[in-house]
Amino acid sequence: MKAKITIVKCPQCGASVEWTENSPFRPFCSKKCQMIDFGTWANEENSIPGAPDLSDSDRWSEDEH
């Protein structure tokens, strides 16, 4: 029996991509789409929400009180 192949959409251009070893850039359809996505992260156009970054001065002022 042949295994069912999962198809996903490229997050950059929306092209169909097989989720197999035959698609080395998965979930992207190509190296180009992968690098475009990487560039948006590198330019800080994308981010993952999280706790605010506290500088050292903020931590020291809290400890002094």
PDB file of N, CA and C in Angstrom:
ATOM      1  N   MET A   1       0.840  -1.175   0.000  1.00  0.00           N
ATOM      2  CA  MET A   1       0.000   0.000   0.000  1.00  0.00           C
ATOM      3  C   MET A   1       0.890   1.245   0.000  1.00  0.00           C
ATOM      4  N   LYS A   2       0.563   2.183  -0.839  1.00  0.00           N
ATOM      5  CA  LYS A   2       1.351   3.397  -0.981  1.00  0.00           C
ATOM      6  C   LYS A   2       0.937   4.429   0.067  1.00  0.00           C
ATOM      7  N   ALA A   3       1.946   5.034   0.719  1.00  0.00           N
ATOM      8  CA  ALA A   3       1.665   6.052   1.742  1.00  0.00           C
ATOM      9  C   ALA A   3       1.115   7.318   1.080  1.00  0.00           C
ATOM     10  N   LYS A   4       0.190   7.962   1.766  1.00  0.00           N
ATOM     11  CA  LYS A   4      -0.384   9.204   1.271  1.00  0.00           C
ATOM     12  C   LYS A   4       0.650  10.325   1.429  1.00  0.00           C
ATOM     13  N   ILE A   5       0.819  11.104   0.380  1.00  0.00           N
ATOM     14  CA  ILE A   5       1.771  12.213   0.408  1.00  0.00           C
ATOM     15  C   ILE A   5       1.050  13.468   0.882  1.00  0.00           C
ATOM     16  N   THR A   6       1.650  14.134   1.856  1.00  0.00           N
ATOM     17  CA  THR A   6       1.085  15.374   2.381  1.00  0.00           C
ATOM     18  C   THR A   6       1.509  16.530   1.486  1.00  0.00           C
ATOM     19  N   ILE A   7       0.553  17.369   1.121  1.00  0.00           N
ATOM     20  CA  ILE A   7       0.808  18.555   0.310  1.00  0.00           C
ATOM     21  C   ILE A   7       0.564  19.784   1.183  1.00  0.00           C
ATOM     22  N   VAL A   8       1.518  20.703   1.201  1.00  0.00           N
ATOM     23  CA  VAL A   8       1.379  21.955   1.951  1.00  0.00           C
ATOM     24  C   VAL A   8       1.535  23.122   0.978  1.00  0.00           C
ATOM     25  N   LYS A   9       1.114  24.296   1.395  1.00  0.00           N
ATOM     26  CA  LYS A   9       1.276  25.507   0.601  1.00  0.00           C
ATOM     27  C   LYS A   9       2.564  26.208   1.011  1.00  0.00           C
ATOM     28  N   CYS A  10       3.343  26.661   0.044  1.00  0.00           N
ATOM     29  CA  CYS A  10       4.551  27.435   0.325  1.00  0.00           C
ATOM     30  C   CYS A  10       4.119  28.701   1.064  1.00  0.00           C
ATOM     31  N   PRO A  11       4.689  28.971   2.238  1.00  0.00           N
ATOM     32  CA  PRO A  11       4.281  30.154   2.999  1.00  0.00           C
ATOM     33  C   PRO A  11       4.612  31.471   2.299  1.00  0.00           C
ATOM     34  N   GLN A  12       5.491  31.441   1.322  1.00  0.00           N
ATOM     35  CA  GLN A  12       5.886  32.665   0.632  1.00  0.00           C
ATOM     36  C   GLN A  12       5.013  32.945  -0.590  1.00  0.00           C
ATOM     37  N   CYS A  13       4.850  31.940  -1.469  1.00  0.00           N
ATOM     38  CA  CYS A  13       4.140  32.189  -2.730  1.00  0.00           C
ATOM     39  C   CYS A  13       2.836  31.413  -2.879  1.00  0.00           C
ATOM     40  N   GLY A  14       2.602  30.431  -2.006  1.00  0.00           N
ATOM     41  CA  GLY A  14       1.357  29.672  -2.044  1.00  0.00           C
ATOM     42  C   GLY A  14       1.368  28.460  -2.960  1.00  0.00           C
ATOM     43  N   ALA A  15       2.498  28.155  -3.596  1.00  0.00           N
ATOM     44  CA  ALA A  15       2.582  26.985  -4.469  1.00  0.00           C
ATOM     45  C   ALA A  15       2.444  25.702  -3.646  1.00  0.00           C
ATOM     46  N   SER A  16       1.948  24.645  -4.272  1.00  0.00           N
ATOM     47  CA  SER A  16       1.817  23.348  -3.600  1.00  0.00           C
ATOM     48  C   SER A  16       3.186  22.690  -3.487  1.00  0.00           C
ATOM     49  N   VAL A  17       3.466  22.134  -2.306  1.00  0.00           N
ATOM     50  CA  VAL A  17       4.757  21.495  -2.037  1.00  0.00           C
ATOM     51  C   VAL A  17       4.497  20.140  -1.402  1.00  0.00           C
ATOM     52  N   GLU A  18       5.140  19.086  -1.939  1.00  0.00           N
ATOM     53  CA  GLU A  18       5.057  17.757  -1.320  1.00  0.00           C
ATOM     54  C   GLU A  18       5.919  17.754  -0.069  1.00  0.00           C
ATOM     55  N   TRP A  19       5.386  17.237   1.037  1.00  0.00           N
ATOM     56  CA  TRP A  19       6.144  17.150   2.287  1.00  0.00           C
ATOM     57  C   TRP A  19       6.887  15.816   2.283  1.00  0.00           C
ATOM     58  N   THR A  20       7.930  15.751   1.435  1.00  0.00           N
ATOM     59  CA  THR A  20       8.740  14.544   1.310  1.00  0.00           C
ATOM     60  C   THR A  20      10.204  14.936   1.184  1.00  0.00           C
ATOM     61  N   GLU A  21      11.070  13.928   1.182  1.00  0.00           N
ATOM     62  CA  GLU A  21      12.498  14.181   1.002  1.00  0.00           C
ATOM     63  C   GLU A  21      12.800  14.725  -0.389  1.00  0.00           C
ATOM     64  N   ASN A  22      11.860  14.608  -1.317  1.00  0.00           N
ATOM     65  CA  ASN A  22      12.037  15.140  -2.669  1.00  0.00           C
ATOM     66  C   ASN A  22      11.900  16.663  -2.698  1.00  0.00           C
ATOM     67  N   SER A  23      11.466  17.260  -1.600  1.00  0.00           N
ATOM     68  CA  SER A  23      11.298  18.714  -1.502  1.00  0.00           C
ATOM     69  C   SER A  23      12.243  19.237  -0.419  1.00  0.00           C
ATOM     70  N   PRO A  24      13.507  19.472  -0.762  1.00  0.00           N
ATOM     71  CA  PRO A  24      14.506  19.823   0.261  1.00  0.00           C
ATOM     72  C   PRO A  24      14.288  21.167   0.941  1.00  0.00           C
ATOM     73  N   PHE A  25      13.473  22.046   0.356  1.00  0.00           N
ATOM     74  CA  PHE A  25      13.262  23.368   0.953  1.00  0.00           C
ATOM     75  C   PHE A  25      11.929  23.449   1.692  1.00  0.00           C
ATOM     76  N   ARG A  26      11.265  22.314   1.877  1.00  0.00           N
ATOM     77  CA  ARG A  26       9.943  22.314   2.517  1.00  0.00           C
ATOM     78  C   ARG A  26       9.973  23.045   3.842  1.00  0.00           C
ATOM     79  N   PRO A  27       9.020  23.837   4.189  1.00  0.00           N
ATOM     80  CA  PRO A  27       7.725  24.000   3.538  1.00  0.00           C
ATOM     81  C   PRO A  27       7.752  24.939   2.340  1.00  0.00           C
ATOM     82  N   PHE A  28       8.922  25.459   1.983  1.00  0.00           N
ATOM     83  CA  PHE A  28       9.012  26.361   0.841  1.00  0.00           C
ATOM     84  C   PHE A  28       9.144  25.556  -0.442  1.00  0.00           C
ATOM     85  N   CYS A  29       8.738  26.164  -1.562  1.00  0.00           N
ATOM     86  CA  CYS A  29       8.795  25.469  -2.852  1.00  0.00           C
ATOM     87  C   CYS A  29      10.186  25.548  -3.469  1.00  0.00           C
ATOM     88  N   SER A  30      10.988  26.524  -3.050  1.00  0.00           N
ATOM     89  CA  SER A  30      12.299  26.720  -3.672  1.00  0.00           C
ATOM     90  C   SER A  30      13.243  27.439  -2.710  1.00  0.00           C
ATOM     91  N   LYS A  31      14.504  27.440  -3.075  1.00  0.00           N
ATOM     92  CA  LYS A  31      15.510  28.170  -2.304  1.00  0.00           C
ATOM     93  C   LYS A  31      15.185  29.658  -2.315  1.00  0.00           C
ATOM     94  N   LYS A  32      14.680  30.166  -3.440  1.00  0.00           N
ATOM     95  CA  LYS A  32      14.335  31.583  -3.555  1.00  0.00           C
ATOM     96  C   LYS A  32      13.291  31.974  -2.507  1.00  0.00           C
ATOM     97  N   CYS A  33      12.197  31.212  -2.407  1.00  0.00           N
ATOM     98  CA  CYS A  33      11.158  31.525  -1.415  1.00  0.00           C
ATOM     99  C   CYS A  33      11.699  31.391   0.004  1.00  0.00           C
ATOM    100  N   GLN A  34      12.552  30.409   0.244  1.00  0.00           N
ATOM    101  CA  GLN A  34      13.152  30.229   1.562  1.00  0.00           C
ATOM    102  C   GLN A  34      13.996  31.445   1.932  1.00  0.00           C
ATOM    103  N   MET A  35      14.786  31.960   0.990  1.00  0.00           N
ATOM    104  CA  MET A  35      15.659  33.102   1.264  1.00  0.00           C
ATOM    105  C   MET A  35      14.868  34.400   1.421  1.00  0.00           C
ATOM    106  N   ILE A  36      13.770  34.554   0.690  1.00  0.00           N
ATOM    107  CA  ILE A  36      12.914  35.737   0.866  1.00  0.00           C
ATOM    108  C   ILE A  36      12.366  35.740   2.288  1.00  0.00           C
ATOM    109  N   ASP A  37      11.894  34.579   2.764  1.00  0.00           N
ATOM    110  CA  ASP A  37      11.365  34.469   4.118  1.00  0.00           C
ATOM    111  C   ASP A  37      12.462  34.750   5.145  1.00  0.00           C
ATOM    112  N   PHE A  38      13.636  34.190   4.938  1.00  0.00           N
ATOM    113  CA  PHE A  38      14.754  34.416   5.850  1.00  0.00           C
ATOM    114  C   PHE A  38      15.079  35.910   5.938  1.00  0.00           C
ATOM    115  N   GLY A  39      15.042  36.591   4.781  1.00  0.00           N
ATOM    116  CA  GLY A  39      15.329  38.022   4.749  1.00  0.00           C
ATOM    117  C   GLY A  39      14.357  38.838   5.580  1.00  0.00           C
ATOM    118  N   THR A  40      13.074  38.460   5.584  1.00  0.00           N
ATOM    119  CA  THR A  40      12.099  39.208   6.389  1.00  0.00           C
ATOM    120  C   THR A  40      12.380  39.032   7.879  1.00  0.00           C
ATOM    121  N   TRP A  41      12.840  37.848   8.291  1.00  0.00           N
ATOM    122  CA  TRP A  41      13.204  37.632   9.697  1.00  0.00           C
ATOM    123  C   TRP A  41      14.481  38.395  10.027  1.00  0.00           C
ATOM    124  N   ALA A  42      15.463  38.349   9.119  1.00  0.00           N
ATOM    125  CA  ALA A  42      16.740  39.030   9.362  1.00  0.00           C
ATOM    126  C   ALA A  42      16.565  40.544   9.455  1.00  0.00           C
ATOM    127  N   ASN A  43      15.622  41.090   8.697  1.00  0.00           N
ATOM    128  CA  ASN A  43      15.345  42.526   8.739  1.00  0.00           C
ATOM    129  C   ASN A  43      14.376  42.904   9.850  1.00  0.00           C
ATOM    130  N   GLU A  44      14.029  41.920  10.688  1.00  0.00           N
ATOM    131  CA  GLU A  44      13.116  42.098  11.818  1.00  0.00           C
ATOM    132  C   GLU A  44      11.729  42.578  11.387  1.00  0.00           C
ATOM    133  N   GLU A  45      11.326  42.198  10.148  1.00  0.00           N
ATOM    134  CA  GLU A  45       9.967  42.479   9.689  1.00  0.00           C
ATOM    135  C   GLU A  45       8.993  41.470  10.303  1.00  0.00           C
ATOM    136  N   ASN A  46       9.488  40.297  10.658  1.00  0.00           N
ATOM    137  CA  ASN A  46       8.710  39.275  11.353  1.00  0.00           C
ATOM    138  C   ASN A  46       9.265  39.150  12.763  1.00  0.00           C
ATOM    139  N   SER A  47       8.403  38.781  13.704  1.00  0.00           N
ATOM    140  CA  SER A  47       8.864  38.542  15.066  1.00  0.00           C
ATOM    141  C   SER A  47       7.879  37.630  15.772  1.00  0.00           C
ATOM    142  N   ILE A  48       8.340  37.019  16.829  1.00  0.00           N
ATOM    143  CA  ILE A  48       7.497  36.173  17.664  1.00  0.00           C
ATOM    144  C   ILE A  48       7.249  36.946  18.949  1.00  0.00           C
ATOM    145  N   PRO A  49       5.976  37.197  19.287  1.00  0.00           N
ATOM    146  CA  PRO A  49       5.694  37.964  20.503  1.00  0.00           C
ATOM    147  C   PRO A  49       6.219  37.246  21.745  1.00  0.00           C
ATOM    148  N   GLY A  50       6.694  38.012  22.679  1.00  0.00           N
ATOM    149  CA  GLY A  50       7.204  37.439  23.911  1.00  0.00           C
ATOM    150  C   GLY A  50       7.297  38.510  24.977  1.00  0.00           C
ATOM    151  N   ALA A  51       7.913  38.160  26.074  1.00  0.00           N
ATOM    152  CA  ALA A  51       8.085  39.099  27.175  1.00  0.00           C
ATOM    153  C   ALA A  51       9.022  40.220  26.737  1.00  0.00           C
ATOM    154  N   PRO A  52       8.803  41.418  27.212  1.00  0.00           N
ATOM    155  CA  PRO A  52       9.698  42.526  26.845  1.00  0.00           C
ATOM    156  C   PRO A  52      11.098  42.281  27.388  1.00  0.00           C
ATOM    157  N   ASP A  53      12.083  42.734  26.634  1.00  0.00           N
ATOM    158  CA  ASP A  53      13.470  42.601  27.046  1.00  0.00           C
ATOM    159  C   ASP A  53      13.786  43.690  28.070  1.00  0.00           C
ATOM    160  N   LEU A  54      14.273  43.297  29.236  1.00  0.00           N
ATOM    161  CA  LEU A  54      14.631  44.268  30.277  1.00  0.00           C
ATOM    162  C   LEU A  54      16.119  44.553  30.180  1.00  0.00           C
ATOM    163  N   SER A  55      16.474  45.805  30.139  1.00  0.00           N
ATOM    164  CA  SER A  55      17.890  46.168  30.100  1.00  0.00           C
ATOM    165  C   SER A  55      18.475  45.998  31.501  1.00  0.00           C
ATOM    166  N   ASP A  56      19.781  45.989  31.579  1.00  0.00           N
ATOM    167  CA  ASP A  56      20.445  45.872  32.887  1.00  0.00           C
ATOM    168  C   ASP A  56      20.041  47.002  33.815  1.00  0.00           C
ATOM    169  N   SER A  57      19.863  48.210  33.279  1.00  0.00           N
ATOM    170  CA  SER A  57      19.510  49.347  34.139  1.00  0.00           C
ATOM    171  C   SER A  57      18.135  49.145  34.780  1.00  0.00           C
ATOM    172  N   ASP A  58      17.201  48.527  34.077  1.00  0.00           N
ATOM    173  CA  ASP A  58      15.881  48.261  34.650  1.00  0.00           C
ATOM    174  C   ASP A  58      15.974  47.279  35.815  1.00  0.00           C
ATOM    175  N   ARG A  59      16.782  46.248  35.664  1.00  0.00           N
ATOM    176  CA  ARG A  59      16.920  45.255  36.735  1.00  0.00           C
ATOM    177  C   ARG A  59      17.614  45.855  37.949  1.00  0.00           C
ATOM    178  N   TRP A  60      18.642  46.684  37.731  1.00  0.00           N
ATOM    179  CA  TRP A  60      19.341  47.275  38.861  1.00  0.00           C
ATOM    180  C   TRP A  60      18.428  48.224  39.634  1.00  0.00           C
ATOM    181  N   SER A  61      17.623  48.999  38.934  1.00  0.00           N
ATOM    182  CA  SER A  61      16.772  49.954  39.644  1.00  0.00           C
ATOM    183  C   SER A  61      15.715  49.220  40.479  1.00  0.00           C
ATOM    184  N   GLU A  62      15.248  48.048  40.026  1.00  0.00           N
ATOM    185  CA  GLU A  62      14.271  47.274  40.805  1.00  0.00           C
ATOM    186  C   GLU A  62      14.928  46.708  42.064  1.00  0.00           C
ATOM    187  N   ASP A  63      16.181  46.282  41.958  1.00  0.00           N
ATOM    188  CA  ASP A  63      16.880  45.687  43.111  1.00  0.00           C
ATOM    189  C   ASP A  63      17.186  46.732  44.188  1.00  0.00           C
ATOM    190  N   GLU A  64      17.323  47.983  43.814  1.00  0.00           N
ATOM    191  CA  GLU A  64      17.684  49.027  44.764  1.00  0.00           C
ATOM    192  C   GLU A  64      16.524  49.422  45.682  1.00  0.00           C
ATOM    193  N   HIS A  65      15.286  49.094  45.300  1.00  0.00           N
ATOM    194  CA  HIS A  65      14.128  49.512  46.096  1.00  0.00           C
ATOM    195  C   HIS A  65      13.729  48.487  47.092  1.00  0.00           C
TER     196      HIS A  65
END
